[in-house]
Amino acid sequence: MRYALRSTNSSLRWTPDLISANSSRIALIDCKSRMTSRTTNRHAVERAAVTAHLQLTAWTQLPIYYVFDNLDVLTPYDALTTGRNSPRTTAGSGTAYYLIPSHHAQPFETTFGTPHPHPTASAA
């Protein structure tokens, strides 16, 4: 489905990867692998995805989080307000991105809490 949606301008193209639930707290998560530059220490998020995710947040009234490989967490609003427009290049797709300094991100534990072992889990 994602392959077919790539050829469209539909906001469904940027549907988040996961839905998380902790009791009644529900959130949408968009995983961002290989979207952090180790050289510049900035995260990259496609501008069209940010627009679609802001609209999806308004429609569903559920938060959306970007979770990067290093478990940094940003929201679409963070990307919009603290990101800088990346220069368009002829390499790759030439897609427009926001570049967000990683110091604007929150640690995973701050956003989602520390995992607790399940009460029925046995010690290995």
PDB file of N, CA and C in Angstrom:
ATOM      1  N   MET A   1       0.814  -1.168   0.000  1.00  0.00           N
ATOM      2  CA  MET A   1       0.000   0.000   0.000  1.00  0.00           C
ATOM      3  C   MET A   1       0.873   1.254   0.000  1.00  0.00           C
ATOM      4  N   ARG A   2       1.930   1.250   0.842  1.00  0.00           N
ATOM      5  CA  ARG A   2       2.812   2.421   0.884  1.00  0.00           C
ATOM      6  C   ARG A   2       3.439   2.685  -0.480  1.00  0.00           C
ATOM      7  N   TYR A   3       3.799   1.611  -1.184  1.00  0.00           N
ATOM      8  CA  TYR A   3       4.389   1.769  -2.514  1.00  0.00           C
ATOM      9  C   TYR A   3       3.406   2.453  -3.457  1.00  0.00           C
ATOM     10  N   ALA A   4       2.151   2.028  -3.439  1.00  0.00           N
ATOM     11  CA  ALA A   4       1.135   2.624  -4.313  1.00  0.00           C
ATOM     12  C   ALA A   4       0.865   4.078  -3.935  1.00  0.00           C
ATOM     13  N   LEU A   5       0.854   4.373  -2.633  1.00  0.00           N
ATOM     14  CA  LEU A   5       0.578   5.745  -2.181  1.00  0.00           C
ATOM     15  C   LEU A   5       1.704   6.715  -2.512  1.00  0.00           C
ATOM     16  N   ARG A   6       2.933   6.210  -2.724  1.00  0.00           N
ATOM     17  CA  ARG A   6       4.065   7.092  -3.051  1.00  0.00           C
ATOM     18  C   ARG A   6       3.829   7.914  -4.308  1.00  0.00           C
ATOM     19  N   SER A   7       3.029   7.386  -5.206  1.00  0.00           N
ATOM     20  CA  SER A   7       2.795   8.088  -6.467  1.00  0.00           C
ATOM     21  C   SER A   7       1.635   9.087  -6.372  1.00  0.00           C
ATOM     22  N   THR A   8       1.115   9.295  -5.155  1.00  0.00           N
ATOM     23  CA  THR A   8       0.002  10.221  -4.973  1.00  0.00           C
ATOM     24  C   THR A   8       0.427  11.387  -4.078  1.00  0.00           C
ATOM     25  N   ASN A   9      -0.444  12.373  -3.975  1.00  0.00           N
ATOM     26  CA  ASN A   9      -0.248  13.477  -3.034  1.00  0.00           C
ATOM     27  C   ASN A   9      -1.133  13.314  -1.803  1.00  0.00           C
ATOM     28  N   SER A  10      -1.727  12.138  -1.647  1.00  0.00           N
ATOM     29  CA  SER A  10      -2.632  11.888  -0.526  1.00  0.00           C
ATOM     30  C   SER A  10      -1.890  11.951   0.801  1.00  0.00           C
ATOM     31  N   SER A  11      -2.531  12.531   1.799  1.00  0.00           N
ATOM     32  CA  SER A  11      -1.956  12.565   3.147  1.00  0.00           C
ATOM     33  C   SER A  11      -1.803  11.170   3.736  1.00  0.00           C
ATOM     34  N   LEU A  12      -2.546  10.198   3.203  1.00  0.00           N
ATOM     35  CA  LEU A  12      -2.396   8.818   3.676  1.00  0.00           C
ATOM     36  C   LEU A  12      -0.990   8.280   3.420  1.00  0.00           C
ATOM     37  N   ARG A  13      -0.291   8.904   2.498  1.00  0.00           N
ATOM     38  CA  ARG A  13       1.082   8.501   2.191  1.00  0.00           C
ATOM     39  C   ARG A  13       1.953   8.571   3.442  1.00  0.00           C
ATOM     40  N   TRP A  14       1.641   9.475   4.340  1.00  0.00           N
ATOM     41  CA  TRP A  14       2.450   9.692   5.539  1.00  0.00           C
ATOM     42  C   TRP A  14       1.776   9.150   6.799  1.00  0.00           C
ATOM     43  N   THR A  15       0.987   8.097   6.657  1.00  0.00           N
ATOM     44  CA  THR A  15       0.345   7.477   7.813  1.00  0.00           C
ATOM     45  C   THR A  15       1.434   6.983   8.775  1.00  0.00           C
ATOM     46  N   PRO A  16       1.332   7.308  10.070  1.00  0.00           N
ATOM     47  CA  PRO A  16       2.338   6.840  11.031  1.00  0.00           C
ATOM     48  C   PRO A  16       2.454   5.318  11.046  1.00  0.00           C
ATOM     49  N   ASP A  17       3.603   4.840  11.518  1.00  0.00           N
ATOM     50  CA  ASP A  17       3.926   3.412  11.485  1.00  0.00           C
ATOM     51  C   ASP A  17       3.249   2.606  12.590  1.00  0.00           C
ATOM     52  N   LEU A  18       3.072   3.216  13.761  1.00  0.00           N
ATOM     53  CA  LEU A  18       2.570   2.484  14.926  1.00  0.00           C
ATOM     54  C   LEU A  18       1.499   3.273  15.666  1.00  0.00           C
ATOM     55  N   ILE A  19       0.662   2.530  16.376  1.00  0.00           N
ATOM     56  CA  ILE A  19      -0.254   3.129  17.344  1.00  0.00           C
ATOM     57  C   ILE A  19       0.127   2.530  18.689  1.00  0.00           C
ATOM     58  N   SER A  20       0.386   3.386  19.675  1.00  0.00           N
ATOM     59  CA  SER A  20       0.732   2.884  21.007  1.00  0.00           C
ATOM     60  C   SER A  20      -0.402   3.210  21.973  1.00  0.00           C
ATOM     61  N   ALA A  21      -0.547   2.351  22.968  1.00  0.00           N
ATOM     62  CA  ALA A  21      -1.556   2.577  23.995  1.00  0.00           C
ATOM     63  C   ALA A  21      -0.979   2.181  25.340  1.00  0.00           C
ATOM     64  N   ASN A  22      -1.176   3.048  26.307  1.00  0.00           N
ATOM     65  CA  ASN A  22      -0.801   2.777  27.688  1.00  0.00           C
ATOM     66  C   ASN A  22      -1.994   3.218  28.513  1.00  0.00           C
ATOM     67  N   SER A  23      -2.750   2.251  28.981  1.00  0.00           N
ATOM     68  CA  SER A  23      -4.052   2.514  29.612  1.00  0.00           C
ATOM     69  C   SER A  23      -4.923   3.237  28.591  1.00  0.00           C
ATOM     70  N   SER A  24      -5.354   4.455  28.903  1.00  0.00           N
ATOM     71  CA  SER A  24      -6.200   5.190  27.956  1.00  0.00           C
ATOM     72  C   SER A  24      -5.397   6.214  27.156  1.00  0.00           C
ATOM     73  N   ARG A  25      -4.079   6.249  27.321  1.00  0.00           N
ATOM     74  CA  ARG A  25      -3.235   7.183  26.577  1.00  0.00           C
ATOM     75  C   ARG A  25      -2.840   6.533  25.246  1.00  0.00           C
ATOM     76  N   ILE A  26      -3.295   7.128  24.167  1.00  0.00           N
ATOM     77  CA  ILE A  26      -3.041   6.604  22.826  1.00  0.00           C
ATOM     78  C   ILE A  26      -2.205   7.617  22.058  1.00  0.00           C
ATOM     79  N   ALA A  27      -1.241   7.127  21.273  1.00  0.00           N
ATOM     80  CA  ALA A  27      -0.400   8.008  20.464  1.00  0.00           C
ATOM     81  C   ALA A  27      -0.054   7.311  19.158  1.00  0.00           C
ATOM     82  N   LEU A  28       0.192   8.109  18.143  1.00  0.00           N
ATOM     83  CA  LEU A  28       0.643   7.610  16.851  1.00  0.00           C
ATOM     84  C   LEU A  28       2.149   7.856  16.761  1.00  0.00           C
ATOM     85  N   ILE A  29       2.883   6.869  16.266  1.00  0.00           N
ATOM     86  CA  ILE A  29       4.337   6.963  16.211  1.00  0.00           C
ATOM     87  C   ILE A  29       4.808   6.762  14.772  1.00  0.00           C
ATOM     88  N   ASP A  30       5.642   7.687  14.319  1.00  0.00           N
ATOM     89  CA  ASP A  30       6.267   7.581  13.008  1.00  0.00           C
ATOM     90  C   ASP A  30       7.758   7.336  13.236  1.00  0.00           C
ATOM     91  N   CYS A  31       8.212   6.137  12.894  1.00  0.00           N
ATOM     92  CA  CYS A  31       9.609   5.751  13.105  1.00  0.00           C
ATOM     93  C   CYS A  31      10.481   6.394  12.037  1.00  0.00           C
ATOM     94  N   LYS A  32      11.580   6.990  12.463  1.00  0.00           N
ATOM     95  CA  LYS A  32      12.488   7.691  11.554  1.00  0.00           C
ATOM     96  C   LYS A  32      13.864   7.041  11.609  1.00  0.00           C
ATOM     97  N   SER A  33      14.046   5.999  10.817  1.00  0.00           N
ATOM     98  CA  SER A  33      15.357   5.356  10.786  1.00  0.00           C
ATOM     99  C   SER A  33      16.244   6.045   9.758  1.00  0.00           C
ATOM    100  N   ARG A  34      17.511   6.189  10.113  1.00  0.00           N
ATOM    101  CA  ARG A  34      18.524   6.820   9.258  1.00  0.00           C
ATOM    102  C   ARG A  34      18.151   8.251   8.887  1.00  0.00           C
ATOM    103  N   MET A  35      17.491   8.963   9.773  1.00  0.00           N
ATOM    104  CA  MET A  35      17.090  10.347   9.493  1.00  0.00           C
ATOM    105  C   MET A  35      17.807  11.346  10.408  1.00  0.00           C
ATOM    106  N   THR A  36      18.938  10.912  10.980  1.00  0.00           N
ATOM    107  CA  THR A  36      19.736  11.791  11.831  1.00  0.00           C
ATOM    108  C   THR A  36      21.147  11.854  11.275  1.00  0.00           C
ATOM    109  N   SER A  37      21.647  13.059  11.090  1.00  0.00           N
ATOM    110  CA  SER A  37      23.013  13.235  10.609  1.00  0.00           C
ATOM    111  C   SER A  37      23.964  13.212  11.790  1.00  0.00           C
ATOM    112  N   ARG A  38      24.924  12.306  11.757  1.00  0.00           N
ATOM    113  CA  ARG A  38      25.936  12.275  12.822  1.00  0.00           C
ATOM    114  C   ARG A  38      26.915  13.423  12.663  1.00  0.00           C
ATOM    115  N   THR A  39      27.043  13.939  11.450  1.00  0.00           N
ATOM    116  CA  THR A  39      27.965  15.043  11.187  1.00  0.00           C
ATOM    117  C   THR A  39      27.422  16.354  11.736  1.00  0.00           C
ATOM    118  N   THR A  40      26.149  16.660  11.442  1.00  0.00           N
ATOM    119  CA  THR A  40      25.562  17.942  11.851  1.00  0.00           C
ATOM    120  C   THR A  40      24.715  17.832  13.112  1.00  0.00           C
ATOM    121  N   ASN A  41      24.441  16.590  13.568  1.00  0.00           N
ATOM    122  CA  ASN A  41      23.631  16.352  14.752  1.00  0.00           C
ATOM    123  C   ASN A  41      22.233  16.967  14.612  1.00  0.00           C
ATOM    124  N   ARG A  42      21.646  16.760  13.420  1.00  0.00           N
ATOM    125  CA  ARG A  42      20.288  17.234  13.158  1.00  0.00           C
ATOM    126  C   ARG A  42      19.428  16.078  12.675  1.00  0.00           C
ATOM    127  N   HIS A  43      18.160  16.142  13.037  1.00  0.00           N
ATOM    128  CA  HIS A  43      17.172  15.187  12.541  1.00  0.00           C
ATOM    129  C   HIS A  43      16.522  15.784  11.301  1.00  0.00           C
ATOM    130  N   ALA A  44      16.119  14.918  10.372  1.00  0.00           N
ATOM    131  CA  ALA A  44      15.441  15.364   9.154  1.00  0.00           C
ATOM    132  C   ALA A  44      14.051  14.746   9.091  1.00  0.00           C
ATOM    133  N   VAL A  45      13.064  15.592   8.779  1.00  0.00           N
ATOM    134  CA  VAL A  45      11.685  15.130   8.600  1.00  0.00           C
ATOM    135  C   VAL A  45      11.149  15.811   7.349  1.00  0.00           C
ATOM    136  N   GLU A  46      10.558  15.026   6.469  1.00  0.00           N
ATOM    137  CA  GLU A  46      10.012  15.567   5.229  1.00  0.00           C
ATOM    138  C   GLU A  46       8.926  16.601   5.533  1.00  0.00           C
ATOM    139  N   ARG A  47       8.997  17.743   4.861  1.00  0.00           N
ATOM    140  CA  ARG A  47       8.039  18.819   5.119  1.00  0.00           C
ATOM    141  C   ARG A  47       6.611  18.397   4.815  1.00  0.00           C
ATOM    142  N   ALA A  48       6.407  17.633   3.759  1.00  0.00           N
ATOM    143  CA  ALA A  48       5.051  17.171   3.427  1.00  0.00           C
ATOM    144  C   ALA A  48       4.504  16.253   4.523  1.00  0.00           C
ATOM    145  N   ALA A  49       5.371  15.468   5.153  1.00  0.00           N
ATOM    146  CA  ALA A  49       4.940  14.593   6.249  1.00  0.00           C
ATOM    147  C   ALA A  49       4.508  15.428   7.453  1.00  0.00           C
ATOM    148  N   VAL A  50       5.259  16.481   7.759  1.00  0.00           N
ATOM    149  CA  VAL A  50       4.892  17.351   8.875  1.00  0.00           C
ATOM    150  C   VAL A  50       3.513  17.958   8.638  1.00  0.00           C
ATOM    151  N   THR A  51       3.263  18.451   7.438  1.00  0.00           N
ATOM    152  CA  THR A  51       1.961  19.024   7.109  1.00  0.00           C
ATOM    153  C   THR A  51       0.851  17.988   7.274  1.00  0.00           C
ATOM    154  N   ALA A  52       1.067  16.796   6.737  1.00  0.00           N
ATOM    155  CA  ALA A  52       0.059  15.731   6.848  1.00  0.00           C
ATOM    156  C   ALA A  52      -0.165  15.339   8.298  1.00  0.00           C
ATOM    157  N   HIS A  53       0.902  15.292   9.093  1.00  0.00           N
ATOM    158  CA  HIS A  53       0.768  14.880  10.492  1.00  0.00           C
ATOM    159  C   HIS A  53       0.089  15.944  11.340  1.00  0.00           C
ATOM    160  N   LEU A  54       0.307  17.212  11.039  1.00  0.00           N
ATOM    161  CA  LEU A  54      -0.423  18.262  11.749  1.00  0.00           C
ATOM    162  C   LEU A  54      -1.921  18.162  11.451  1.00  0.00           C
ATOM    163  N   GLN A  55      -2.263  17.874  10.208  1.00  0.00           N
ATOM    164  CA  GLN A  55      -3.664  17.699   9.837  1.00  0.00           C
ATOM    165  C   GLN A  55      -4.259  16.460  10.512  1.00  0.00           C
ATOM    166  N   LEU A  56      -3.491  15.379  10.552  1.00  0.00           N
ATOM    167  CA  LEU A  56      -3.965  14.142  11.180  1.00  0.00           C
ATOM    168  C   LEU A  56      -4.166  14.334  12.679  1.00  0.00           C
ATOM    169  N   THR A  57      -3.279  15.078  13.313  1.00  0.00           N
ATOM    170  CA  THR A  57      -3.434  15.379  14.739  1.00  0.00           C
ATOM    171  C   THR A  57      -4.723  16.160  14.985  1.00  0.00           C
ATOM    172  N   ALA A  58      -4.988  17.145  14.141  1.00  0.00           N
ATOM    173  CA  ALA A  58      -6.215  17.931  14.291  1.00  0.00           C
ATOM    174  C   ALA A  58      -7.453  17.060  14.074  1.00  0.00           C
ATOM    175  N   TRP A  59      -7.399  16.163  13.112  1.00  0.00           N
ATOM    176  CA  TRP A  59      -8.549  15.331  12.785  1.00  0.00           C
ATOM    177  C   TRP A  59      -8.799  14.260  13.839  1.00  0.00           C
ATOM    178  N   THR A  60      -7.739  13.567  14.281  1.00  0.00           N
ATOM    179  CA  THR A  60      -7.912  12.452  15.216  1.00  0.00           C
ATOM    180  C   THR A  60      -7.870  12.876  16.675  1.00  0.00           C
ATOM    181  N   GLN A  61      -7.338  14.057  16.944  1.00  0.00           N
ATOM    182  CA  GLN A  61      -7.120  14.538  18.305  1.00  0.00           C
ATOM    183  C   GLN A  61      -6.206  13.591  19.089  1.00  0.00           C
ATOM    184  N   LEU A  62      -5.259  12.971  18.363  1.00  0.00           N
ATOM    185  CA  LEU A  62      -4.252  12.102  18.963  1.00  0.00           C
ATOM    186  C   LEU A  62      -2.869  12.680  18.666  1.00  0.00           C
ATOM    187  N   PRO A  63      -1.961  12.592  19.611  1.00  0.00           N
ATOM    188  CA  PRO A  63      -0.617  13.108  19.357  1.00  0.00           C
ATOM    189  C   PRO A  63       0.160  12.189  18.413  1.00  0.00           C
ATOM    190  N   ILE A  64       1.053  12.791  17.660  1.00  0.00           N
ATOM    191  CA  ILE A  64       1.967  12.048  16.792  1.00  0.00           C
ATOM    192  C   ILE A  64       3.378  12.367  17.242  1.00  0.00           C
ATOM    193  N   TYR A  65       4.192  11.322  17.314  1.00  0.00           N
ATOM    194  CA  TYR A  65       5.586  11.483  17.712  1.00  0.00           C
ATOM    195  C   TYR A  65       6.491  10.882  16.644  1.00  0.00           C
ATOM    196  N   TYR A  66       7.585  11.582  16.366  1.00  0.00           N
ATOM    197  CA  TYR A  66       8.651  11.034  15.535  1.00  0.00           C
ATOM    198  C   TYR A  66       9.674  10.430  16.485  1.00  0.00           C
ATOM    199  N   VAL A  67       9.989   9.158  16.303  1.00  0.00           N
ATOM    200  CA  VAL A  67      10.995   8.497  17.126  1.00  0.00           C
ATOM    201  C   VAL A  67      12.146   8.097  16.210  1.00  0.00           C
ATOM    202  N   PHE A  68      13.332   8.602  16.541  1.00  0.00           N
ATOM    203  CA  PHE A  68      14.525   8.390  15.728  1.00  0.00           C
ATOM    204  C   PHE A  68      15.332   7.202  16.256  1.00  0.00           C
ATOM    205  N   ASP A  69      16.326   6.778  15.471  1.00  0.00           N
ATOM    206  CA  ASP A  69      17.143   5.617  15.826  1.00  0.00           C
ATOM    207  C   ASP A  69      17.735   5.701  17.225  1.00  0.00           C
ATOM    208  N   ASN A  70      18.144   6.893  17.631  1.00  0.00           N
ATOM    209  CA  ASN A  70      18.758   7.057  18.950  1.00  0.00           C
ATOM    210  C   ASN A  70      17.717   7.257  20.055  1.00  0.00           C
ATOM    211  N   LEU A  71      16.441   7.076  19.712  1.00  0.00           N
ATOM    212  CA  LEU A  71      15.287   7.216  20.598  1.00  0.00           C
ATOM    213  C   LEU A  71      15.008   8.655  21.008  1.00  0.00           C
ATOM    214  N   ASP A  72      15.521   9.617  20.239  1.00  0.00           N
ATOM    215  CA  ASP A  72      15.075  10.994  20.391  1.00  0.00           C
ATOM    216  C   ASP A  72      13.633  11.077  19.903  1.00  0.00           C
ATOM    217  N   VAL A  73      12.858  11.980  20.505  1.00  0.00           N
ATOM    218  CA  VAL A  73      11.442  12.122  20.155  1.00  0.00           C
ATOM    219  C   VAL A  73      11.148  13.588  19.828  1.00  0.00           C
ATOM    220  N   LEU A  74      10.465  13.793  18.713  1.00  0.00           N
ATOM    221  CA  LEU A  74       9.979  15.112  18.303  1.00  0.00           C
ATOM    222  C   LEU A  74       8.522  14.988  17.898  1.00  0.00           C
ATOM    223  N   THR A  75       7.816  16.110  17.888  1.00  0.00           N
ATOM    224  CA  THR A  75       6.446  16.152  17.381  1.00  0.00           C
ATOM    225  C   THR A  75       6.447  16.904  16.048  1.00  0.00           C
ATOM    226  N   PRO A  76       5.390  16.788  15.271  1.00  0.00           N
ATOM    227  CA  PRO A  76       5.300  17.600  14.055  1.00  0.00           C
ATOM    228  C   PRO A  76       5.404  19.094  14.363  1.00  0.00           C
ATOM    229  N   TYR A  77       4.829  19.529  15.472  1.00  0.00           N
ATOM    230  CA  TYR A  77       4.919  20.932  15.859  1.00  0.00           C
ATOM    231  C   TYR A  77       6.375  21.330  16.125  1.00  0.00           C
ATOM    232  N   ASP A  78       7.130  20.452  16.796  1.00  0.00           N
ATOM    233  CA  ASP A  78       8.558  20.713  17.024  1.00  0.00           C
ATOM    234  C   ASP A  78       9.286  20.912  15.694  1.00  0.00           C
ATOM    235  N   ALA A  79       9.013  20.027  14.741  1.00  0.00           N
ATOM    236  CA  ALA A  79       9.674  20.116  13.435  1.00  0.00           C
ATOM    237  C   ALA A  79       9.310  21.418  12.731  1.00  0.00           C
ATOM    238  N   LEU A  80       8.049  21.797  12.812  1.00  0.00           N
ATOM    239  CA  LEU A  80       7.577  23.017  12.158  1.00  0.00           C
ATOM    240  C   LEU A  80       8.192  24.265  12.780  1.00  0.00           C
ATOM    241  N   THR A  81       8.259  24.307  14.107  1.00  0.00           N
ATOM    242  CA  THR A  81       8.681  25.536  14.774  1.00  0.00           C
ATOM    243  C   THR A  81      10.181  25.652  15.002  1.00  0.00           C
ATOM    244  N   THR A  82      10.890  24.538  15.110  1.00  0.00           N
ATOM    245  CA  THR A  82      12.331  24.626  15.369  1.00  0.00           C
ATOM    246  C   THR A  82      13.178  24.163  14.198  1.00  0.00           C
ATOM    247  N   GLY A  83      12.542  23.590  13.180  1.00  0.00           N
ATOM    248  CA  GLY A  83      13.288  23.097  12.025  1.00  0.00           C
ATOM    249  C   GLY A  83      13.621  24.197  11.039  1.00  0.00           C
ATOM    250  N   ARG A  84      14.682  23.984  10.331  1.00  0.00           N
ATOM    251  CA  ARG A  84      15.088  24.883   9.240  1.00  0.00           C
ATOM    252  C   ARG A  84      14.831  24.158   7.930  1.00  0.00           C
ATOM    253  N   ASN A  85      14.430  24.901   6.912  1.00  0.00           N
ATOM    254  CA  ASN A  85      14.242  24.298   5.604  1.00  0.00           C
ATOM    255  C   ASN A  85      15.587  23.837   5.072  1.00  0.00           C
ATOM    256  N   SER A  86      15.636  22.604   4.604  1.00  0.00           N
ATOM    257  CA  SER A  86      16.871  22.099   4.029  1.00  0.00           C
ATOM    258  C   SER A  86      16.991  22.604   2.599  1.00  0.00           C
ATOM    259  N   PRO A  87      18.212  22.730   2.125  1.00  0.00           N
ATOM    260  CA  PRO A  87      18.363  23.095   0.713  1.00  0.00           C
ATOM    261  C   PRO A  87      17.932  21.926  -0.167  1.00  0.00           C
ATOM    262  N   ARG A  88      17.293  22.226  -1.259  1.00  0.00           N
ATOM    263  CA  ARG A  88      16.914  21.166  -2.210  1.00  0.00           C
ATOM    264  C   ARG A  88      18.152  20.757  -2.985  1.00  0.00           C
ATOM    265  N   THR A  89      18.295  19.461  -3.145  1.00  0.00           N
ATOM    266  CA  THR A  89      19.448  18.958  -3.884  1.00  0.00           C
ATOM    267  C   THR A  89      18.969  18.187  -5.106  1.00  0.00           C
ATOM    268  N   THR A  90      19.873  17.980  -6.025  1.00  0.00           N
ATOM    269  CA  THR A  90      19.542  17.163  -7.192  1.00  0.00           C
ATOM    270  C   THR A  90      19.782  15.691  -6.897  1.00  0.00           C
ATOM    271  N   ALA A  91      20.483  15.398  -5.810  1.00  0.00           N
ATOM    272  CA  ALA A  91      20.704  14.006  -5.415  1.00  0.00           C
ATOM    273  C   ALA A  91      19.435  13.457  -4.772  1.00  0.00           C
ATOM    274  N   GLY A  92      19.160  12.207  -4.995  1.00  0.00           N
ATOM    275  CA  GLY A  92      17.978  11.585  -4.399  1.00  0.00           C
ATOM    276  C   GLY A  92      16.698  12.146  -4.980  1.00  0.00           C
ATOM    277  N   SER A  93      15.657  12.181  -4.167  1.00  0.00           N
ATOM    278  CA  SER A  93      14.346  12.600  -4.647  1.00  0.00           C
ATOM    279  C   SER A  93      14.210  14.115  -4.724  1.00  0.00           C
ATOM    280  N   GLY A  94      15.113  14.856  -4.082  1.00  0.00           N
ATOM    281  CA  GLY A  94      14.999  16.310  -4.068  1.00  0.00           C
ATOM    282  C   GLY A  94      13.868  16.796  -3.175  1.00  0.00           C
ATOM    283  N   THR A  95      13.375  15.904  -2.318  1.00  0.00           N
ATOM    284  CA  THR A  95      12.274  16.225  -1.421  1.00  0.00           C
ATOM    285  C   THR A  95      12.703  17.275  -0.399  1.00  0.00           C
ATOM    286  N   ALA A  96      11.781  18.147  -0.046  1.00  0.00           N
ATOM    287  CA  ALA A  96      12.049  19.192   0.937  1.00  0.00           C
ATOM    288  C   ALA A  96      11.924  18.631   2.354  1.00  0.00           C
ATOM    289  N   TYR A  97      12.897  18.957   3.200  1.00  0.00           N
ATOM    290  CA  TYR A  97      12.939  18.478   4.577  1.00  0.00           C
ATOM    291  C   TYR A  97      13.076  19.642   5.542  1.00  0.00           C
ATOM    292  N   TYR A  98      12.635  19.404   6.786  1.00  0.00           N
ATOM    293  CA  TYR A  98      12.996  20.260   7.897  1.00  0.00           C
ATOM    294  C   TYR A  98      14.210  19.609   8.565  1.00  0.00           C
ATOM    295  N   LEU A  99      15.191  20.416   8.910  1.00  0.00           N
ATOM    296  CA  LEU A  99      16.344  19.943   9.668  1.00  0.00           C
ATOM    297  C   LEU A  99      16.220  20.509  11.075  1.00  0.00           C
ATOM    298  N   ILE A 100      16.150  19.620  12.061  1.00  0.00           N
ATOM    299  CA  ILE A 100      15.902  20.021  13.438  1.00  0.00           C
ATOM    300  C   ILE A 100      17.111  19.649  14.291  1.00  0.00           C
ATOM    301  N   PRO A 101      17.746  20.626  14.947  1.00  0.00           N
ATOM    302  CA  PRO A 101      18.869  20.289  15.829  1.00  0.00           C
ATOM    303  C   PRO A 101      18.417  19.278  16.886  1.00  0.00           C
ATOM    304  N   SER A 102      19.231  18.255  17.098  1.00  0.00           N
ATOM    305  CA  SER A 102      18.819  17.180  18.001  1.00  0.00           C
ATOM    306  C   SER A 102      18.639  17.645  19.442  1.00  0.00           C
ATOM    307  N   HIS A 103      19.228  18.769  19.830  1.00  0.00           N
ATOM    308  CA  HIS A 103      19.033  19.231  21.214  1.00  0.00           C
ATOM    309  C   HIS A 103      17.591  19.698  21.465  1.00  0.00           C
ATOM    310  N   HIS A 104      16.786  19.836  20.416  1.00  0.00           N
ATOM    311  CA  HIS A 104      15.369  20.176  20.594  1.00  0.00           C
ATOM    312  C   HIS A 104      14.515  18.941  20.898  1.00  0.00           C
ATOM    313  N   ALA A 105      15.092  17.751  20.715  1.00  0.00           N
ATOM    314  CA  ALA A 105      14.339  16.517  20.935  1.00  0.00           C
ATOM    315  C   ALA A 105      14.249  16.180  22.423  1.00  0.00           C
ATOM    316  N   GLN A 106      13.236  15.404  22.755  1.00  0.00           N
ATOM    317  CA  GLN A 106      13.066  14.881  24.107  1.00  0.00           C
ATOM    318  C   GLN A 106      13.557  13.434  24.133  1.00  0.00           C
ATOM    319  N   PRO A 107      14.079  12.995  25.263  1.00  0.00           N
ATOM    320  CA  PRO A 107      14.430  11.572  25.382  1.00  0.00           C
ATOM    321  C   PRO A 107      13.171  10.711  25.362  1.00  0.00           C
ATOM    322  N   PHE A 108      13.292   9.509  24.874  1.00  0.00           N
ATOM    323  CA  PHE A 108      12.170   8.582  24.791  1.00  0.00           C
ATOM    324  C   PHE A 108      11.479   8.428  26.147  1.00  0.00           C
ATOM    325  N   GLU A 109      12.266   8.276  27.216  1.00  0.00           N
ATOM    326  CA  GLU A 109      11.702   8.053  28.549  1.00  0.00           C
ATOM    327  C   GLU A 109      10.883   9.247  29.034  1.00  0.00           C
ATOM    328  N   THR A 110      11.268  10.459  28.641  1.00  0.00           N
ATOM    329  CA  THR A 110      10.528  11.649  29.042  1.00  0.00           C
ATOM    330  C   THR A 110       9.131  11.651  28.424  1.00  0.00           C
ATOM    331  N   THR A 111       9.043  11.207  27.179  1.00  0.00           N
ATOM    332  CA  THR A 111       7.766  11.198  26.464  1.00  0.00           C
ATOM    333  C   THR A 111       6.905   9.996  26.822  1.00  0.00           C
ATOM    334  N   PHE A 112       7.523   8.822  26.869  1.00  0.00           N
ATOM    335  CA  PHE A 112       6.753   7.586  27.024  1.00  0.00           C
ATOM    336  C   PHE A 112       6.927   6.908  28.375  1.00  0.00           C
ATOM    337  N   GLY A 113       7.817   7.393  29.209  1.00  0.00           N
ATOM    338  CA  GLY A 113       8.059   6.779  30.509  1.00  0.00           C
ATOM    339  C   GLY A 113       9.032   5.616  30.406  1.00  0.00           C
ATOM    340  N   THR A 114       9.453   5.158  31.544  1.00  0.00           N
ATOM    341  CA  THR A 114      10.368   4.023  31.607  1.00  0.00           C
ATOM    342  C   THR A 114       9.562   2.745  31.559  1.00  0.00           C
ATOM    343  N   PRO A 115       9.976   1.784  30.738  1.00  0.00           N
ATOM    344  CA  PRO A 115       9.220   0.524  30.676  1.00  0.00           C
ATOM    345  C   PRO A 115       9.272  -0.222  32.019  1.00  0.00           C
ATOM    346  N   HIS A 116       8.153  -0.774  32.389  1.00  0.00           N
ATOM    347  CA  HIS A 116       8.072  -1.566  33.612  1.00  0.00           C
ATOM    348  C   HIS A 116       7.894  -3.024  33.207  1.00  0.00           C
ATOM    349  N   PRO A 117       8.554  -3.944  33.904  1.00  0.00           N
ATOM    350  CA  PRO A 117       8.365  -5.349  33.573  1.00  0.00           C
ATOM    351  C   PRO A 117       6.917  -5.780  33.803  1.00  0.00           C
ATOM    352  N   HIS A 118       6.438  -6.618  32.929  1.00  0.00           N
ATOM    353  CA  HIS A 118       5.081  -7.147  33.070  1.00  0.00           C
ATOM    354  C   HIS A 118       5.034  -8.005  34.326  1.00  0.00           C
ATOM    355  N   PRO A 119       3.965  -7.920  35.122  1.00  0.00           N
ATOM    356  CA  PRO A 119       3.913  -8.666  36.394  1.00  0.00           C
ATOM    357  C   PRO A 119       4.034 -10.185  36.220  1.00  0.00           C
ATOM    358  N   THR A 120       3.677 -10.704  35.063  1.00  0.00           N
ATOM    359  CA  THR A 120       3.767 -12.152  34.867  1.00  0.00           C
ATOM    360  C   THR A 120       5.093 -12.550  34.250  1.00  0.00           C
ATOM    361  N   ALA A 121       5.959 -11.589  33.948  1.00  0.00           N
ATOM    362  CA  ALA A 121       7.251 -11.931  33.358  1.00  0.00           C
ATOM    363  C   ALA A 121       8.123 -12.577  34.421  1.00  0.00           C
ATOM    364  N   SER A 122       8.761 -13.653  34.053  1.00  0.00           N
ATOM    365  CA  SER A 122       9.637 -14.340  35.004  1.00  0.00           C
ATOM    366  C   SER A 122      11.070 -13.899  34.770  1.00  0.00           C
ATOM    367  N   ALA A 123      11.844 -13.953  35.811  1.00  0.00           N
ATOM    368  CA  ALA A 123      13.253 -13.584  35.701  1.00  0.00           C
ATOM    369  C   ALA A 123      13.979 -14.671  34.936  1.00  0.00           C
ATOM    370  N   ALA A 124      14.810 -14.251  34.009  1.00  0.00           N
ATOM    371  CA  ALA A 124      15.519 -15.249  33.194  1.00  0.00           C
ATOM    372  C   ALA A 124      16.879 -15.525  33.768  1.00  0.00           C
TER     373      ALA A 124
END
